[in-house]
Amino acid sequence: FPYTTLFRSSLTKIYADDTKSLYLGEIEATGVFELVNFDEITKAYKGMMPNGVLAMFIGILLSTTRGILLIKSEGTAISGALMPIINAGSFFSQDIPIIKK
């Protein structure tokens, strides 16, 4: 099956509270997604990536980052830090052009 791999990073800065007056650190996660039917998507959407697919990938990555933060911060000063739930669909209002490198 032909597939294309997409990479996306999530960098989350961690603050002591909502005022962001005390920066505690950051966590970064990189997601690797393989699209088995990439060529079909490209053809069907005329060279565009559907915003729903991108929102799904971002949602998965944000949830994964949230889990990593929970596990990695256990027993530290930032244990129990909250990462808000974000509507990943709000990042994209339209389909995105596909750029092949």
N, C-alpha and C. Protein backbone atom coordinates (compact mmCIF):
# COMPACT_ATOMS: atom_id res chain seq x y z
N PHE A 1 0.84 -1.19 0.00
CA PHE A 1 0.00 0.00 0.00
C PHE A 1 0.87 1.25 0.00
N PRO A 2 0.62 2.18 -0.90
CA PRO A 2 1.37 3.44 -0.83
C PRO A 2 0.87 4.25 0.36
N TYR A 3 1.78 4.83 1.09
CA TYR A 3 1.39 5.65 2.22
C TYR A 3 2.33 6.83 2.35
N THR A 4 1.90 7.82 3.06
CA THR A 4 2.71 8.99 3.33
C THR A 4 2.72 9.19 4.83
N THR A 5 3.88 9.55 5.34
CA THR A 5 4.04 9.79 6.76
C THR A 5 3.96 11.28 7.03
N LEU A 6 3.16 11.65 8.00
CA LEU A 6 3.03 13.04 8.42
C LEU A 6 3.61 13.18 9.82
N PHE A 7 4.39 14.23 10.04
CA PHE A 7 4.96 14.50 11.35
C PHE A 7 4.31 15.76 11.90
N ARG A 8 4.10 15.77 13.18
CA ARG A 8 3.57 16.97 13.82
C ARG A 8 4.08 17.00 15.25
N SER A 9 4.54 18.17 15.68
CA SER A 9 5.03 18.34 17.05
C SER A 9 4.03 19.11 17.88
N SER A 10 4.02 18.81 19.15
CA SER A 10 3.20 19.52 20.11
C SER A 10 4.12 20.02 21.22
N LEU A 11 4.21 21.32 21.39
CA LEU A 11 5.02 21.90 22.46
C LEU A 11 4.06 22.57 23.43
N THR A 12 4.10 22.13 24.66
CA THR A 12 3.21 22.66 25.68
C THR A 12 4.04 23.30 26.78
N LYS A 13 3.83 24.58 27.00
CA LYS A 13 4.52 25.28 28.08
C LYS A 13 3.69 25.13 29.36
N ILE A 14 4.38 24.98 30.47
CA ILE A 14 3.70 24.74 31.75
C ILE A 14 3.96 25.92 32.68
N TYR A 15 2.86 26.48 33.20
CA TYR A 15 2.94 27.61 34.13
C TYR A 15 2.30 27.22 35.46
N ALA A 16 2.65 27.96 36.50
CA ALA A 16 2.14 27.66 37.84
C ALA A 16 0.63 27.90 37.95
N ASP A 17 0.12 28.89 37.20
CA ASP A 17 -1.32 29.18 37.24
C ASP A 17 -1.74 29.89 35.96
N ASP A 18 -2.99 30.29 35.90
CA ASP A 18 -3.54 30.91 34.69
C ASP A 18 -2.92 32.27 34.36
N THR A 19 -2.29 32.91 35.32
CA THR A 19 -1.70 34.23 35.04
C THR A 19 -0.40 34.12 34.25
N LYS A 20 0.14 32.92 34.18
CA LYS A 20 1.39 32.65 33.47
C LYS A 20 2.56 33.50 33.98
N SER A 21 2.52 33.82 35.27
CA SER A 21 3.59 34.63 35.85
C SER A 21 4.80 33.78 36.24
N LEU A 22 4.61 32.49 36.45
CA LEU A 22 5.72 31.61 36.82
C LEU A 22 5.80 30.45 35.85
N TYR A 23 6.83 30.48 35.02
CA TYR A 23 7.05 29.44 34.01
C TYR A 23 7.75 28.26 34.69
N LEU A 24 7.18 27.06 34.56
CA LEU A 24 7.74 25.88 35.20
C LEU A 24 8.51 24.97 34.25
N GLY A 25 8.17 24.98 32.99
CA GLY A 25 8.86 24.12 32.03
C GLY A 25 8.00 23.87 30.81
N GLU A 26 8.39 22.87 30.06
CA GLU A 26 7.63 22.54 28.85
C GLU A 26 7.79 21.07 28.54
N ILE A 27 6.86 20.57 27.76
CA ILE A 27 6.92 19.19 27.29
C ILE A 27 6.63 19.20 25.80
N GLU A 28 7.38 18.38 25.06
CA GLU A 28 7.19 18.32 23.62
C GLU A 28 6.98 16.87 23.21
N ALA A 29 6.03 16.65 22.34
CA ALA A 29 5.77 15.31 21.80
C ALA A 29 5.67 15.43 20.28
N THR A 30 6.16 14.43 19.61
CA THR A 30 6.08 14.40 18.15
C THR A 30 5.25 13.20 17.74
N GLY A 31 4.29 13.44 16.86
CA GLY A 31 3.44 12.36 16.37
C GLY A 31 3.83 11.98 14.96
N VAL A 32 3.77 10.71 14.67
CA VAL A 32 4.03 10.21 13.33
C VAL A 32 2.77 9.47 12.88
N PHE A 33 2.17 9.95 11.81
CA PHE A 33 0.93 9.38 11.30
C PHE A 33 1.16 8.90 9.87
N GLU A 34 0.76 7.69 9.59
CA GLU A 34 0.91 7.15 8.24
C GLU A 34 -0.47 7.03 7.60
N LEU A 35 -0.62 7.66 6.45
CA LEU A 35 -1.87 7.61 5.70
C LEU A 35 -1.73 6.59 4.58
N VAL A 36 -2.44 5.50 4.71
CA VAL A 36 -2.37 4.44 3.70
C VAL A 36 -2.95 4.92 2.38
N ASN A 37 -4.01 5.72 2.43
CA ASN A 37 -4.68 6.15 1.21
C ASN A 37 -4.39 7.63 0.89
N PHE A 38 -3.18 8.07 1.12
CA PHE A 38 -2.81 9.46 0.91
C PHE A 38 -3.11 9.93 -0.52
N ASP A 39 -2.75 9.11 -1.50
CA ASP A 39 -2.97 9.50 -2.90
C ASP A 39 -4.46 9.67 -3.21
N GLU A 40 -5.29 8.82 -2.62
CA GLU A 40 -6.74 8.94 -2.82
C GLU A 40 -7.27 10.23 -2.21
N ILE A 41 -6.78 10.57 -1.02
CA ILE A 41 -7.19 11.81 -0.35
C ILE A 41 -6.76 13.01 -1.18
N THR A 42 -5.52 12.98 -1.65
CA THR A 42 -5.00 14.09 -2.45
C THR A 42 -5.84 14.30 -3.71
N LYS A 43 -6.20 13.20 -4.35
CA LYS A 43 -7.00 13.30 -5.58
C LYS A 43 -8.42 13.77 -5.27
N ALA A 44 -9.04 13.17 -4.27
CA ALA A 44 -10.44 13.50 -3.94
C ALA A 44 -10.59 14.95 -3.47
N TYR A 45 -9.58 15.47 -2.79
CA TYR A 45 -9.67 16.83 -2.25
C TYR A 45 -8.82 17.83 -3.04
N LYS A 46 -8.45 17.44 -4.26
CA LYS A 46 -7.76 18.33 -5.20
C LYS A 46 -6.53 18.98 -4.59
N GLY A 47 -5.65 18.14 -4.01
CA GLY A 47 -4.39 18.64 -3.45
C GLY A 47 -4.50 19.26 -2.07
N MET A 48 -5.65 19.08 -1.44
CA MET A 48 -5.86 19.65 -0.10
C MET A 48 -6.02 18.52 0.92
N MET A 49 -5.61 18.80 2.16
CA MET A 49 -5.83 17.86 3.26
C MET A 49 -7.07 18.33 4.00
N PRO A 50 -8.08 17.46 4.15
CA PRO A 50 -9.31 17.86 4.83
C PRO A 50 -9.05 18.30 6.27
N ASN A 51 -9.66 19.41 6.66
CA ASN A 51 -9.42 19.94 8.00
C ASN A 51 -9.84 18.95 9.08
N GLY A 52 -10.81 18.10 8.82
CA GLY A 52 -11.23 17.10 9.79
C GLY A 52 -10.14 16.06 10.08
N VAL A 53 -9.39 15.70 9.04
CA VAL A 53 -8.28 14.74 9.22
C VAL A 53 -7.19 15.40 10.06
N LEU A 54 -6.85 16.64 9.74
CA LEU A 54 -5.83 17.36 10.51
C LEU A 54 -6.26 17.53 11.96
N ALA A 55 -7.52 17.87 12.18
CA ALA A 55 -8.02 18.04 13.54
C ALA A 55 -7.93 16.73 14.31
N MET A 56 -8.21 15.61 13.64
CA MET A 56 -8.10 14.31 14.29
C MET A 56 -6.67 14.04 14.73
N PHE A 57 -5.70 14.29 13.84
CA PHE A 57 -4.29 14.08 14.19
C PHE A 57 -3.86 14.97 15.36
N ILE A 58 -4.25 16.23 15.31
CA ILE A 58 -3.88 17.16 16.39
C ILE A 58 -4.53 16.73 17.70
N GLY A 59 -5.79 16.30 17.65
CA GLY A 59 -6.46 15.83 18.85
C GLY A 59 -5.76 14.63 19.47
N ILE A 60 -5.34 13.69 18.63
CA ILE A 60 -4.60 12.52 19.12
C ILE A 60 -3.28 12.97 19.76
N LEU A 61 -2.58 13.87 19.10
CA LEU A 61 -1.29 14.34 19.61
C LEU A 61 -1.45 15.10 20.93
N LEU A 62 -2.46 15.95 21.02
CA LEU A 62 -2.68 16.68 22.27
C LEU A 62 -3.03 15.73 23.41
N SER A 63 -3.85 14.73 23.14
CA SER A 63 -4.21 13.76 24.17
C SER A 63 -2.99 12.94 24.61
N THR A 64 -2.16 12.59 23.65
CA THR A 64 -0.93 11.85 23.96
C THR A 64 0.00 12.71 24.81
N THR A 65 0.13 13.98 24.45
CA THR A 65 0.97 14.90 25.23
C THR A 65 0.45 15.01 26.66
N ARG A 66 -0.87 15.07 26.80
CA ARG A 66 -1.49 15.15 28.13
C ARG A 66 -1.11 13.92 28.96
N GLY A 67 -1.15 12.74 28.36
CA GLY A 67 -0.78 11.50 29.05
C GLY A 67 0.69 11.46 29.42
N ILE A 68 1.54 11.91 28.50
CA ILE A 68 2.99 11.95 28.77
C ILE A 68 3.26 12.89 29.94
N LEU A 69 2.61 14.04 29.95
CA LEU A 69 2.79 15.00 31.04
C LEU A 69 2.39 14.38 32.38
N LEU A 70 1.29 13.67 32.40
CA LEU A 70 0.81 13.04 33.62
C LEU A 70 1.84 12.03 34.16
N ILE A 71 2.36 11.19 33.27
CA ILE A 71 3.31 10.15 33.68
C ILE A 71 4.68 10.74 34.05
N LYS A 72 5.20 11.62 33.21
CA LYS A 72 6.55 12.17 33.41
C LYS A 72 6.64 13.12 34.59
N SER A 73 5.52 13.73 34.98
CA SER A 73 5.58 14.70 36.08
C SER A 73 5.32 14.06 37.45
N GLU A 74 5.02 12.77 37.45
CA GLU A 74 4.71 12.09 38.71
C GLU A 74 5.88 12.22 39.69
N GLY A 75 5.57 12.67 40.90
CA GLY A 75 6.58 12.83 41.94
C GLY A 75 7.40 14.10 41.82
N THR A 76 7.02 15.01 40.94
CA THR A 76 7.74 16.28 40.78
C THR A 76 6.86 17.44 41.23
N ALA A 77 7.43 18.64 41.20
CA ALA A 77 6.69 19.83 41.62
C ALA A 77 5.51 20.12 40.69
N ILE A 78 5.56 19.63 39.46
CA ILE A 78 4.45 19.90 38.54
C ILE A 78 3.48 18.73 38.43
N SER A 79 3.61 17.76 39.32
CA SER A 79 2.68 16.64 39.35
C SER A 79 1.26 17.18 39.54
N GLY A 80 0.37 16.70 38.74
CA GLY A 80 -1.02 17.17 38.83
C GLY A 80 -1.31 18.40 37.98
N ALA A 81 -0.30 18.88 37.24
CA ALA A 81 -0.53 20.02 36.35
C ALA A 81 -1.60 19.64 35.34
N LEU A 82 -2.46 20.57 35.05
CA LEU A 82 -3.56 20.30 34.13
C LEU A 82 -3.27 20.86 32.74
N MET A 83 -3.60 20.11 31.74
CA MET A 83 -3.52 20.57 30.36
C MET A 83 -4.96 20.60 29.87
N PRO A 84 -5.47 21.76 29.56
CA PRO A 84 -6.89 21.86 29.21
C PRO A 84 -7.24 21.07 27.95
N ILE A 85 -8.48 20.66 27.88
CA ILE A 85 -8.99 19.99 26.68
C ILE A 85 -9.27 21.08 25.65
N ILE A 86 -8.75 20.89 24.47
CA ILE A 86 -8.87 21.88 23.41
C ILE A 86 -9.60 21.25 22.22
N ASN A 87 -10.49 21.98 21.62
CA ASN A 87 -11.15 21.52 20.40
C ASN A 87 -10.17 21.66 19.24
N ALA A 88 -9.57 20.54 18.84
CA ALA A 88 -8.56 20.58 17.78
C ALA A 88 -9.13 21.10 16.47
N GLY A 89 -10.42 20.98 16.27
CA GLY A 89 -11.05 21.49 15.06
C GLY A 89 -11.01 23.01 14.96
N SER A 90 -10.80 23.68 16.09
CA SER A 90 -10.75 25.14 16.09
C SER A 90 -9.46 25.68 15.46
N PHE A 91 -8.47 24.82 15.24
CA PHE A 91 -7.21 25.26 14.63
C PHE A 91 -7.35 25.48 13.13
N PHE A 92 -8.33 24.81 12.52
CA PHE A 92 -8.48 24.86 11.07
C PHE A 92 -9.90 25.23 10.69
N SER A 93 -10.06 26.26 9.89
CA SER A 93 -11.39 26.62 9.42
C SER A 93 -11.63 26.13 8.01
N GLN A 94 -10.55 25.66 7.37
CA GLN A 94 -10.69 25.16 6.00
C GLN A 94 -9.64 24.10 5.74
N ASP A 95 -9.76 23.43 4.60
CA ASP A 95 -8.77 22.42 4.23
C ASP A 95 -7.42 23.11 4.00
N ILE A 96 -6.33 22.34 4.15
CA ILE A 96 -4.97 22.87 4.05
C ILE A 96 -4.29 22.30 2.81
N PRO A 97 -3.58 23.16 2.04
CA PRO A 97 -2.85 22.64 0.87
C PRO A 97 -1.79 21.62 1.28
N ILE A 98 -1.65 20.58 0.50
CA ILE A 98 -0.64 19.56 0.77
C ILE A 98 0.67 20.00 0.11
N ILE A 99 1.71 20.03 0.91
CA ILE A 99 3.03 20.41 0.42
C ILE A 99 3.91 19.17 0.48
N LYS A 100 4.34 18.69 -0.65
CA LYS A 100 5.22 17.51 -0.70
C LYS A 100 6.66 17.97 -0.71
N LYS A 101 7.46 17.33 0.13
CA LYS A 101 8.90 17.69 0.19
C LYS A 101 9.72 16.55 -0.33
